[in-house]
């Protein structure tokens, strides 16, 4: 049997982030391995094959102490779900490796990213702006950015991570009018 790895806080949060509702954690006397038996998510089956049970238990306790998961009592044990603080960490984890891979040649198309995220979700809007800038996109209006390379996957990740699927649009345009200034900004 292969030796199992230690479960990191990031790995545990990632599994909890995939769950939409409360997730059963058996009473202390029971094995945490029962977690995966109650679940229908295949990711968790893989999770339990990879990670050591004791490290999962310790990781969940660390997350509880730091306020990144919430617990409630249920008939069959405790249930756990990711909290707002835990979701914030997941956003950082998911975005930490995000970058656009530039092709060797420009396809002479512009990617225009438009978003309409209301004042009630200002924080998400600000995070989106920061990430669009980090990815090298240029703001042409407060909620309009432009980029010369394919970035559909990266924009989709931002939509999913920030939970704004309808608030962000991406348009691929062959022409944006006089684009001399934009070409200069991107070194094209």
N, C-alpha and C. Protein backbone atom coordinates (compact mmCIF):
# COMPACT_ATOMS: atom_id res chain seq x y z
N UNK A 1 0.84 -1.19 0.00
CA UNK A 1 0.00 0.00 0.00
C UNK A 1 0.88 1.25 0.00
N UNK A 2 0.55 2.21 -0.83
CA UNK A 2 1.32 3.44 -0.91
C UNK A 2 1.14 4.26 0.35
N UNK A 3 2.17 4.98 0.70
CA UNK A 3 2.11 5.86 1.86
C UNK A 3 1.29 7.09 1.51
N UNK A 4 0.41 7.49 2.42
CA UNK A 4 -0.46 8.63 2.18
C UNK A 4 0.24 9.92 2.60
N UNK A 5 -0.15 11.01 1.94
CA UNK A 5 0.43 12.32 2.23
C UNK A 5 -0.33 13.00 3.35
N UNK A 6 0.32 14.03 3.90
CA UNK A 6 -0.36 14.87 4.89
C UNK A 6 -1.33 15.79 4.16
N UNK A 7 -2.51 15.93 4.70
CA UNK A 7 -3.50 16.83 4.10
C UNK A 7 -3.20 18.25 4.51
N UNK A 8 -3.03 19.11 3.56
CA UNK A 8 -2.80 20.52 3.85
C UNK A 8 -4.14 21.21 4.07
N UNK A 9 -4.07 22.36 4.73
CA UNK A 9 -5.27 23.17 4.93
C UNK A 9 -5.87 23.52 3.58
N UNK A 10 -5.02 23.82 2.60
CA UNK A 10 -5.49 24.15 1.26
C UNK A 10 -6.27 22.99 0.65
N UNK A 11 -5.78 21.77 0.81
CA UNK A 11 -6.46 20.60 0.26
C UNK A 11 -7.82 20.39 0.93
N UNK A 12 -7.88 20.56 2.23
CA UNK A 12 -9.15 20.38 2.95
C UNK A 12 -10.14 21.46 2.55
N UNK A 13 -9.69 22.70 2.49
CA UNK A 13 -10.58 23.79 2.08
C UNK A 13 -11.08 23.57 0.66
N UNK A 14 -10.23 23.04 -0.19
CA UNK A 14 -10.62 22.79 -1.56
C UNK A 14 -11.78 21.80 -1.64
N UNK A 15 -11.72 20.74 -0.85
CA UNK A 15 -12.81 19.76 -0.84
C UNK A 15 -14.08 20.39 -0.28
N UNK A 16 -13.95 21.13 0.82
CA UNK A 16 -15.13 21.77 1.42
C UNK A 16 -15.71 22.82 0.49
N UNK A 17 -14.86 23.49 -0.28
CA UNK A 17 -15.33 24.52 -1.20
C UNK A 17 -16.19 23.92 -2.31
N UNK A 18 -15.97 22.65 -2.64
CA UNK A 18 -16.75 21.99 -3.69
C UNK A 18 -18.15 21.63 -3.20
N UNK A 19 -18.32 21.52 -1.88
CA UNK A 19 -19.62 21.20 -1.31
C UNK A 19 -20.46 22.46 -1.23
N UNK A 20 -21.73 22.37 -1.59
CA UNK A 20 -22.61 23.53 -1.56
C UNK A 20 -23.31 23.68 -0.22
N UNK A 21 -23.33 22.60 0.58
CA UNK A 21 -24.07 22.64 1.83
C UNK A 21 -23.23 22.04 2.94
N UNK A 22 -23.85 21.75 4.05
CA UNK A 22 -23.15 21.18 5.20
C UNK A 22 -22.65 19.79 4.85
N UNK A 23 -21.55 19.42 5.46
CA UNK A 23 -20.85 18.17 5.18
C UNK A 23 -20.67 17.43 6.50
N UNK A 24 -21.08 16.17 6.58
CA UNK A 24 -21.07 15.40 7.81
C UNK A 24 -19.65 15.08 8.27
N UNK A 25 -19.37 15.38 9.54
CA UNK A 25 -18.13 14.95 10.20
C UNK A 25 -18.58 14.09 11.37
N UNK A 26 -18.28 12.79 11.37
CA UNK A 26 -18.75 11.90 12.44
C UNK A 26 -18.25 12.35 13.81
N UNK A 27 -18.92 11.85 14.86
CA UNK A 27 -18.49 12.14 16.23
C UNK A 27 -17.05 11.70 16.41
N UNK A 28 -16.39 12.26 17.43
CA UNK A 28 -14.96 12.00 17.62
C UNK A 28 -14.62 10.52 17.72
N UNK A 29 -15.50 9.71 18.29
CA UNK A 29 -15.23 8.29 18.45
C UNK A 29 -15.23 7.54 17.13
N UNK A 30 -15.82 8.13 16.11
CA UNK A 30 -15.89 7.47 14.81
C UNK A 30 -14.75 7.92 13.91
N UNK A 31 -14.51 7.14 12.89
CA UNK A 31 -13.44 7.46 11.95
C UNK A 31 -13.86 8.56 10.99
N UNK A 32 -12.96 9.50 10.73
CA UNK A 32 -13.24 10.53 9.74
C UNK A 32 -13.36 9.94 8.34
N UNK A 33 -12.92 8.71 8.18
CA UNK A 33 -13.04 8.09 6.87
C UNK A 33 -14.49 7.96 6.44
N UNK A 34 -15.43 7.98 7.39
CA UNK A 34 -16.84 7.90 7.04
C UNK A 34 -17.30 9.12 6.28
N UNK A 35 -16.53 10.17 6.34
CA UNK A 35 -16.86 11.37 5.57
C UNK A 35 -17.05 11.04 4.09
N UNK A 36 -16.12 10.32 3.53
CA UNK A 36 -16.19 10.06 2.10
C UNK A 36 -17.31 9.08 1.75
N UNK A 37 -17.70 8.22 2.68
CA UNK A 37 -18.77 7.26 2.39
C UNK A 37 -20.12 7.97 2.27
N UNK A 38 -20.30 9.08 2.98
CA UNK A 38 -21.57 9.80 2.95
C UNK A 38 -21.66 10.73 1.75
N UNK A 39 -20.60 10.83 0.99
CA UNK A 39 -20.55 11.81 -0.08
C UNK A 39 -20.67 11.17 -1.45
N UNK A 40 -21.19 11.95 -2.38
CA UNK A 40 -21.29 11.46 -3.76
C UNK A 40 -20.27 12.13 -4.66
N UNK A 41 -19.40 12.96 -4.10
CA UNK A 41 -18.41 13.68 -4.91
C UNK A 41 -17.18 12.79 -5.10
N UNK A 42 -16.87 12.45 -6.33
CA UNK A 42 -15.73 11.58 -6.61
C UNK A 42 -14.42 12.17 -6.12
N UNK A 43 -14.31 13.48 -6.13
CA UNK A 43 -13.09 14.14 -5.69
C UNK A 43 -12.73 13.70 -4.28
N UNK A 44 -13.74 13.52 -3.43
CA UNK A 44 -13.46 13.14 -2.05
C UNK A 44 -12.94 11.72 -1.96
N UNK A 45 -13.42 10.83 -2.83
CA UNK A 45 -12.88 9.47 -2.84
C UNK A 45 -11.38 9.53 -3.12
N UNK A 46 -11.01 10.32 -4.10
CA UNK A 46 -9.59 10.49 -4.43
C UNK A 46 -8.86 11.13 -3.25
N UNK A 47 -9.51 12.10 -2.63
CA UNK A 47 -8.93 12.80 -1.48
C UNK A 47 -8.53 11.80 -0.39
N UNK A 48 -9.44 10.86 -0.06
CA UNK A 48 -9.16 9.91 1.01
C UNK A 48 -8.12 8.88 0.62
N UNK A 49 -7.95 8.62 -0.66
CA UNK A 49 -6.89 7.70 -1.10
C UNK A 49 -5.52 8.35 -0.98
N UNK A 50 -5.48 9.67 -1.07
CA UNK A 50 -4.21 10.39 -1.08
C UNK A 50 -3.76 10.80 0.32
N UNK A 51 -4.70 11.28 1.16
CA UNK A 51 -4.32 11.92 2.41
C UNK A 51 -4.51 11.05 3.64
N UNK A 52 -3.60 11.21 4.58
CA UNK A 52 -3.60 10.53 5.86
C UNK A 52 -4.76 11.04 6.72
N UNK A 53 -5.49 10.11 7.30
CA UNK A 53 -6.69 10.45 8.09
C UNK A 53 -6.37 11.36 9.26
N UNK A 54 -5.30 11.09 9.98
CA UNK A 54 -4.93 11.92 11.13
C UNK A 54 -4.62 13.36 10.74
N UNK A 55 -3.97 13.52 9.59
CA UNK A 55 -3.65 14.89 9.16
C UNK A 55 -4.91 15.63 8.73
N UNK A 56 -5.90 14.90 8.21
CA UNK A 56 -7.17 15.53 7.86
C UNK A 56 -7.85 16.01 9.13
N UNK A 57 -7.90 15.16 10.15
CA UNK A 57 -8.51 15.52 11.43
C UNK A 57 -7.83 16.76 12.01
N UNK A 58 -6.50 16.76 12.01
CA UNK A 58 -5.75 17.91 12.56
C UNK A 58 -6.00 19.17 11.73
N UNK A 59 -6.06 19.01 10.40
CA UNK A 59 -6.31 20.16 9.53
C UNK A 59 -7.68 20.76 9.75
N UNK A 60 -8.69 19.91 9.93
CA UNK A 60 -10.05 20.40 10.19
C UNK A 60 -10.06 21.17 11.51
N UNK A 61 -9.38 20.66 12.51
CA UNK A 61 -9.31 21.36 13.81
C UNK A 61 -8.63 22.72 13.67
N UNK A 62 -7.55 22.79 12.89
CA UNK A 62 -6.86 24.08 12.65
C UNK A 62 -7.80 25.07 11.96
N UNK A 63 -8.54 24.56 10.98
CA UNK A 63 -9.48 25.42 10.26
C UNK A 63 -10.59 25.91 11.19
N UNK A 64 -11.02 25.05 12.09
CA UNK A 64 -12.06 25.44 13.05
C UNK A 64 -11.55 26.54 13.97
N UNK A 65 -10.34 26.38 14.50
CA UNK A 65 -9.75 27.39 15.41
C UNK A 65 -9.55 28.73 14.70
N UNK A 66 -9.23 28.69 13.41
CA UNK A 66 -8.96 29.93 12.68
C UNK A 66 -10.23 30.54 12.09
N UNK A 67 -11.39 29.88 12.30
CA UNK A 67 -12.65 30.43 11.81
C UNK A 67 -12.88 30.24 10.32
N UNK A 68 -12.18 29.30 9.72
CA UNK A 68 -12.31 29.10 8.27
C UNK A 68 -13.34 28.04 7.92
N UNK A 69 -13.83 27.32 8.94
CA UNK A 69 -14.95 26.41 8.76
C UNK A 69 -15.93 26.64 9.89
N UNK A 70 -17.19 26.28 9.64
CA UNK A 70 -18.25 26.39 10.64
C UNK A 70 -18.74 24.99 10.96
N UNK A 71 -19.11 24.76 12.23
CA UNK A 71 -19.64 23.47 12.64
C UNK A 71 -21.04 23.66 13.20
N UNK A 72 -21.85 22.61 13.09
CA UNK A 72 -23.14 22.57 13.77
C UNK A 72 -23.42 21.12 14.13
N UNK A 73 -24.20 20.95 15.20
CA UNK A 73 -24.53 19.60 15.66
C UNK A 73 -25.68 19.04 14.82
N UNK A 74 -25.59 17.75 14.51
CA UNK A 74 -26.64 17.04 13.79
C UNK A 74 -26.86 15.70 14.49
N UNK A 75 -27.92 15.01 14.16
CA UNK A 75 -28.22 13.73 14.81
C UNK A 75 -27.08 12.73 14.66
N UNK A 76 -26.48 12.67 13.50
CA UNK A 76 -25.45 11.67 13.23
C UNK A 76 -24.03 12.17 13.48
N UNK A 77 -23.86 13.32 14.07
CA UNK A 77 -22.53 13.85 14.35
C UNK A 77 -22.48 15.34 14.11
N UNK A 78 -21.31 15.85 13.82
CA UNK A 78 -21.17 17.26 13.50
C UNK A 78 -21.15 17.43 11.99
N UNK A 79 -21.63 18.59 11.55
CA UNK A 79 -21.55 18.92 10.14
C UNK A 79 -20.66 20.14 10.01
N UNK A 80 -19.94 20.20 8.91
CA UNK A 80 -18.99 21.28 8.70
C UNK A 80 -19.21 21.87 7.31
N UNK A 81 -18.94 23.16 7.20
CA UNK A 81 -18.92 23.80 5.88
C UNK A 81 -17.90 24.93 5.93
N UNK A 82 -17.47 25.33 4.78
CA UNK A 82 -16.49 26.40 4.67
C UNK A 82 -17.16 27.73 5.04
N UNK A 83 -16.46 28.57 5.78
CA UNK A 83 -17.00 29.86 6.20
C UNK A 83 -16.56 30.95 5.22
N UNK A 84 -17.00 32.17 5.48
CA UNK A 84 -16.59 33.30 4.64
C UNK A 84 -15.08 33.47 4.62
N UNK A 85 -14.45 33.34 5.79
CA UNK A 85 -12.98 33.46 5.85
C UNK A 85 -12.30 32.34 5.06
N UNK A 86 -12.87 31.14 5.12
CA UNK A 86 -12.33 30.03 4.36
C UNK A 86 -12.48 30.25 2.86
N UNK A 87 -13.62 30.81 2.47
CA UNK A 87 -13.84 31.11 1.04
C UNK A 87 -12.85 32.16 0.55
N UNK A 88 -12.54 33.15 1.40
CA UNK A 88 -11.53 34.16 1.03
C UNK A 88 -10.19 33.50 0.77
N UNK A 89 -9.82 32.55 1.62
CA UNK A 89 -8.56 31.82 1.41
C UNK A 89 -8.60 31.04 0.11
N UNK A 90 -9.74 30.41 -0.19
CA UNK A 90 -9.86 29.64 -1.44
C UNK A 90 -9.70 30.54 -2.66
N UNK A 91 -10.24 31.74 -2.58
CA UNK A 91 -10.07 32.69 -3.69
C UNK A 91 -8.58 32.95 -3.91
N UNK A 92 -7.86 33.20 -2.81
CA UNK A 92 -6.41 33.45 -2.93
C UNK A 92 -5.68 32.22 -3.48
N UNK A 93 -6.03 31.03 -3.00
CA UNK A 93 -5.38 29.81 -3.50
C UNK A 93 -5.63 29.62 -4.98
N UNK A 94 -6.88 29.78 -5.40
CA UNK A 94 -7.23 29.55 -6.81
C UNK A 94 -6.57 30.57 -7.73
N UNK A 95 -6.43 31.79 -7.26
CA UNK A 95 -5.89 32.84 -8.11
C UNK A 95 -4.37 32.91 -8.09
N UNK A 96 -3.75 32.28 -7.11
CA UNK A 96 -2.30 32.44 -6.94
C UNK A 96 -1.49 32.01 -8.17
N UNK A 97 -1.94 31.02 -8.90
CA UNK A 97 -1.18 30.56 -10.07
C UNK A 97 -1.74 31.02 -11.40
N UNK A 98 -2.69 31.93 -11.37
CA UNK A 98 -3.36 32.36 -12.59
C UNK A 98 -2.46 33.29 -13.41
N UNK A 99 -2.28 32.95 -14.68
CA UNK A 99 -1.56 33.83 -15.61
C UNK A 99 -1.94 33.47 -17.04
N UNK A 100 -1.81 34.44 -17.92
CA UNK A 100 -2.13 34.24 -19.33
C UNK A 100 -0.86 33.84 -20.05
N UNK A 101 -0.95 32.78 -20.83
CA UNK A 101 0.20 32.35 -21.64
C UNK A 101 0.06 33.02 -23.01
N UNK A 102 1.03 33.86 -23.33
CA UNK A 102 0.99 34.60 -24.59
C UNK A 102 1.48 33.71 -25.73
N UNK A 103 0.74 33.67 -26.83
CA UNK A 103 1.21 32.92 -27.99
C UNK A 103 2.39 33.64 -28.65
N UNK A 104 3.14 32.94 -29.46
CA UNK A 104 4.30 33.54 -30.10
C UNK A 104 3.90 34.63 -31.10
N UNK A 105 2.73 34.48 -31.70
CA UNK A 105 2.26 35.47 -32.67
C UNK A 105 0.89 35.98 -32.29
N UNK A 106 0.67 37.28 -32.48
CA UNK A 106 -0.63 37.88 -32.20
C UNK A 106 -1.60 37.50 -33.32
N UNK A 107 -2.80 37.09 -32.98
CA UNK A 107 -3.80 36.70 -33.98
C UNK A 107 -4.60 37.89 -34.52
N UNK A 108 -4.18 39.10 -34.17
CA UNK A 108 -4.79 40.35 -34.63
C UNK A 108 -6.25 40.51 -34.18
N UNK A 109 -6.56 39.91 -33.03
CA UNK A 109 -7.89 40.05 -32.43
C UNK A 109 -7.74 40.64 -31.03
N UNK A 110 -8.70 41.43 -30.66
CA UNK A 110 -8.71 42.06 -29.34
C UNK A 110 -9.73 41.35 -28.45
N UNK A 111 -9.37 41.17 -27.20
CA UNK A 111 -10.30 40.62 -26.21
C UNK A 111 -10.75 41.77 -25.34
N UNK A 112 -12.04 42.01 -25.32
CA UNK A 112 -12.61 43.11 -24.54
C UNK A 112 -13.38 42.48 -23.37
N UNK A 113 -12.97 42.80 -22.17
CA UNK A 113 -13.61 42.26 -20.97
C UNK A 113 -14.48 43.36 -20.38
N UNK A 114 -15.78 43.09 -20.28
CA UNK A 114 -16.75 44.04 -19.75
C UNK A 114 -17.32 43.44 -18.47
N UNK A 115 -17.56 44.27 -17.48
CA UNK A 115 -18.23 43.74 -16.29
C UNK A 115 -19.18 44.76 -15.71
N UNK A 116 -20.23 44.23 -15.11
CA UNK A 116 -21.24 45.02 -14.44
C UNK A 116 -21.52 44.34 -13.11
N UNK A 117 -20.76 44.73 -12.11
CA UNK A 117 -20.89 44.16 -10.77
C UNK A 117 -21.32 45.30 -9.87
N UNK A 118 -22.48 45.17 -9.27
CA UNK A 118 -23.09 46.24 -8.49
C UNK A 118 -22.33 46.66 -7.25
N UNK A 119 -22.78 47.75 -6.69
CA UNK A 119 -22.15 48.34 -5.50
C UNK A 119 -22.20 47.39 -4.30
N UNK A 120 -23.22 46.56 -4.23
CA UNK A 120 -23.34 45.61 -3.12
C UNK A 120 -22.20 44.58 -3.15
N UNK A 121 -21.61 44.41 -4.30
CA UNK A 121 -20.50 43.46 -4.44
C UNK A 121 -19.21 44.19 -4.82
N UNK A 122 -19.02 45.34 -4.24
CA UNK A 122 -17.86 46.18 -4.53
C UNK A 122 -16.55 45.42 -4.34
N UNK A 123 -16.47 44.63 -3.29
CA UNK A 123 -15.23 43.90 -2.99
C UNK A 123 -14.87 42.97 -4.16
N UNK A 124 -15.85 42.24 -4.68
CA UNK A 124 -15.60 41.36 -5.82
C UNK A 124 -15.17 42.16 -7.03
N UNK A 125 -15.80 43.30 -7.23
CA UNK A 125 -15.47 44.17 -8.37
C UNK A 125 -14.02 44.65 -8.26
N UNK A 126 -13.62 45.06 -7.06
CA UNK A 126 -12.25 45.53 -6.86
C UNK A 126 -11.23 44.42 -7.06
N UNK A 127 -11.56 43.22 -6.57
CA UNK A 127 -10.66 42.07 -6.77
C UNK A 127 -10.53 41.77 -8.26
N UNK A 128 -11.65 41.80 -8.97
CA UNK A 128 -11.63 41.55 -10.41
C UNK A 128 -10.74 42.56 -11.11
N UNK A 129 -10.88 43.84 -10.80
CA UNK A 129 -10.04 44.88 -11.42
C UNK A 129 -8.56 44.62 -11.16
N UNK A 130 -8.23 44.30 -9.91
CA UNK A 130 -6.82 44.03 -9.57
C UNK A 130 -6.29 42.86 -10.39
N UNK A 131 -7.08 41.79 -10.51
CA UNK A 131 -6.61 40.63 -11.24
C UNK A 131 -6.52 40.86 -12.73
N UNK A 132 -7.43 41.60 -13.29
CA UNK A 132 -7.33 41.92 -14.71
C UNK A 132 -6.05 42.71 -14.98
N UNK A 133 -5.74 43.64 -14.10
CA UNK A 133 -4.49 44.42 -14.25
C UNK A 133 -3.27 43.53 -14.08
N UNK A 134 -3.29 42.65 -13.06
CA UNK A 134 -2.16 41.73 -12.83
C UNK A 134 -1.91 40.84 -14.04
N UNK A 135 -2.97 40.45 -14.71
CA UNK A 135 -2.84 39.59 -15.88
C UNK A 135 -2.36 40.34 -17.11
N UNK A 136 -2.20 41.67 -16.98
CA UNK A 136 -1.66 42.46 -18.08
C UNK A 136 -2.70 43.16 -18.93
N UNK A 137 -3.94 43.08 -18.53
CA UNK A 137 -5.01 43.72 -19.30
C UNK A 137 -5.03 45.22 -18.97
N UNK A 138 -5.46 46.00 -19.94
CA UNK A 138 -5.43 47.46 -19.80
C UNK A 138 -6.86 48.00 -19.67
N UNK A 139 -7.05 48.85 -18.65
CA UNK A 139 -8.36 49.46 -18.44
C UNK A 139 -8.57 50.57 -19.46
N UNK A 140 -9.69 50.52 -20.19
CA UNK A 140 -10.00 51.62 -21.10
C UNK A 140 -11.20 52.41 -20.60
N UNK A 141 -11.96 51.83 -19.68
CA UNK A 141 -12.99 52.51 -18.91
C UNK A 141 -13.05 51.78 -17.57
N UNK A 142 -13.79 52.33 -16.59
CA UNK A 142 -13.83 51.72 -15.26
C UNK A 142 -14.19 50.24 -15.28
N UNK A 143 -15.08 49.84 -16.16
CA UNK A 143 -15.50 48.44 -16.19
C UNK A 143 -15.25 47.78 -17.55
N UNK A 144 -14.26 48.30 -18.28
CA UNK A 144 -13.91 47.74 -19.59
C UNK A 144 -12.39 47.62 -19.67
N UNK A 145 -11.93 46.39 -19.93
CA UNK A 145 -10.50 46.13 -20.09
C UNK A 145 -10.28 45.52 -21.47
N UNK A 146 -9.04 45.64 -21.94
CA UNK A 146 -8.72 45.10 -23.27
C UNK A 146 -7.41 44.31 -23.18
N UNK A 147 -7.32 43.29 -24.05
CA UNK A 147 -6.13 42.44 -24.07
C UNK A 147 -6.01 41.84 -25.47
N UNK A 148 -4.79 41.71 -26.00
CA UNK A 148 -4.64 41.22 -27.38
C UNK A 148 -4.52 39.70 -27.53
N UNK A 149 -4.45 38.97 -26.44
CA UNK A 149 -4.23 37.53 -26.53
C UNK A 149 -5.41 36.74 -25.96
N UNK A 150 -5.55 35.48 -26.37
CA UNK A 150 -6.64 34.66 -25.83
C UNK A 150 -6.55 34.58 -24.29
N UNK A 151 -7.67 34.83 -23.64
CA UNK A 151 -7.70 34.82 -22.18
C UNK A 151 -9.04 34.29 -21.67
N UNK A 152 -9.74 33.54 -22.50
CA UNK A 152 -11.05 33.02 -22.14
C UNK A 152 -11.01 32.18 -20.87
N UNK A 153 -10.03 31.29 -20.77
CA UNK A 153 -9.93 30.42 -19.60
C UNK A 153 -9.71 31.22 -18.33
N UNK A 154 -8.84 32.20 -18.39
CA UNK A 154 -8.53 33.00 -17.22
C UNK A 154 -9.74 33.83 -16.77
N UNK A 155 -10.46 34.39 -17.73
CA UNK A 155 -11.67 35.17 -17.40
C UNK A 155 -12.72 34.24 -16.79
N UNK A 156 -12.84 33.04 -17.32
CA UNK A 156 -13.80 32.07 -16.77
C UNK A 156 -13.43 31.68 -15.35
N UNK A 157 -12.17 31.50 -15.07
CA UNK A 157 -11.73 31.20 -13.70
C UNK A 157 -12.09 32.35 -12.77
N UNK A 158 -11.85 33.58 -13.21
CA UNK A 158 -12.21 34.74 -12.39
C UNK A 158 -13.72 34.78 -12.13
N UNK A 159 -14.51 34.51 -13.15
CA UNK A 159 -15.97 34.46 -12.99
C UNK A 159 -16.37 33.45 -11.93
N UNK A 160 -15.81 32.26 -12.01
CA UNK A 160 -16.17 31.19 -11.09
C UNK A 160 -15.69 31.46 -9.67
N UNK A 161 -14.45 31.88 -9.55
CA UNK A 161 -13.88 32.11 -8.23
C UNK A 161 -14.59 33.25 -7.50
N UNK A 162 -14.94 34.28 -8.24
CA UNK A 162 -15.60 35.44 -7.63
C UNK A 162 -17.12 35.31 -7.60
N UNK A 163 -17.64 34.21 -8.12
CA UNK A 163 -19.09 33.97 -8.15
C UNK A 163 -19.85 35.10 -8.84
N UNK A 164 -19.38 35.50 -10.02
CA UNK A 164 -20.05 36.54 -10.81
C UNK A 164 -20.20 36.06 -12.26
N UNK A 165 -20.83 34.91 -12.49
CA UNK A 165 -20.88 34.37 -13.85
C UNK A 165 -21.56 35.27 -14.86
N UNK A 166 -22.63 35.95 -14.48
CA UNK A 166 -23.33 36.82 -15.42
C UNK A 166 -22.82 38.24 -15.43
N UNK A 167 -21.97 38.57 -14.49
CA UNK A 167 -21.50 39.95 -14.37
C UNK A 167 -20.27 40.28 -15.20
N UNK A 168 -19.67 39.27 -15.82
CA UNK A 168 -18.45 39.49 -16.59
C UNK A 168 -18.63 38.90 -17.99
N UNK A 169 -18.35 39.69 -19.00
CA UNK A 169 -18.46 39.26 -20.40
C UNK A 169 -17.11 39.42 -21.09
N UNK A 170 -16.88 38.56 -22.07
CA UNK A 170 -15.67 38.66 -22.87
C UNK A 170 -16.08 38.68 -24.34
N UNK A 171 -15.60 39.69 -25.04
CA UNK A 171 -15.89 39.84 -26.47
C UNK A 171 -14.57 39.74 -27.23
N UNK A 172 -14.56 38.95 -28.30
CA UNK A 172 -13.39 38.89 -29.17
C UNK A 172 -13.73 39.72 -30.41
N UNK A 173 -12.92 40.75 -30.63
CA UNK A 173 -13.20 41.69 -31.73
C UNK A 173 -12.02 41.73 -32.69
N UNK A 174 -12.34 41.82 -33.97
CA UNK A 174 -11.29 41.93 -34.98
C UNK A 174 -10.82 43.37 -35.13
N UNK A 175 -11.66 44.31 -34.74
CA UNK A 175 -11.30 45.72 -34.87
C UNK A 175 -11.87 46.50 -33.68
N UNK A 176 -11.08 47.46 -33.19
CA UNK A 176 -11.58 48.35 -32.14
C UNK A 176 -11.40 49.81 -32.57
N UNK A 177 -11.37 50.02 -33.86
CA UNK A 177 -11.16 51.37 -34.39
C UNK A 177 -9.68 51.68 -34.44
N UNK A 178 -9.34 52.89 -34.09
CA UNK A 178 -7.93 53.31 -34.09
C UNK A 178 -7.22 52.65 -32.91
N UNK A 179 -6.47 51.60 -33.20
CA UNK A 179 -5.85 50.83 -32.12
C UNK A 179 -4.33 51.07 -31.99
N UNK A 180 -3.84 52.15 -32.57
CA UNK A 180 -2.40 52.42 -32.54
C UNK A 180 -1.90 52.53 -31.10
N UNK A 181 -2.63 53.26 -30.27
CA UNK A 181 -2.21 53.44 -28.87
C UNK A 181 -2.19 52.09 -28.13
N UNK A 182 -3.19 51.27 -28.36
CA UNK A 182 -3.26 49.95 -27.70
C UNK A 182 -2.12 49.05 -28.19
N UNK A 183 -1.86 49.08 -29.47
CA UNK A 183 -0.77 48.27 -30.00
C UNK A 183 0.56 48.67 -29.35
N UNK A 184 0.75 49.98 -29.17
CA UNK A 184 1.97 50.45 -28.51
C UNK A 184 2.05 49.98 -27.07
N UNK A 185 0.94 50.06 -26.35
CA UNK A 185 0.92 49.63 -24.94
C UNK A 185 1.29 48.15 -24.81
N UNK A 186 0.87 47.33 -25.76
CA UNK A 186 1.15 45.91 -25.70
C UNK A 186 2.37 45.49 -26.49
N UNK A 187 3.06 46.46 -27.08
CA UNK A 187 4.28 46.17 -27.84
C UNK A 187 4.03 45.35 -29.09
N UNK A 188 2.93 45.65 -29.78
CA UNK A 188 2.57 44.90 -31.00
C UNK A 188 2.91 45.70 -32.25
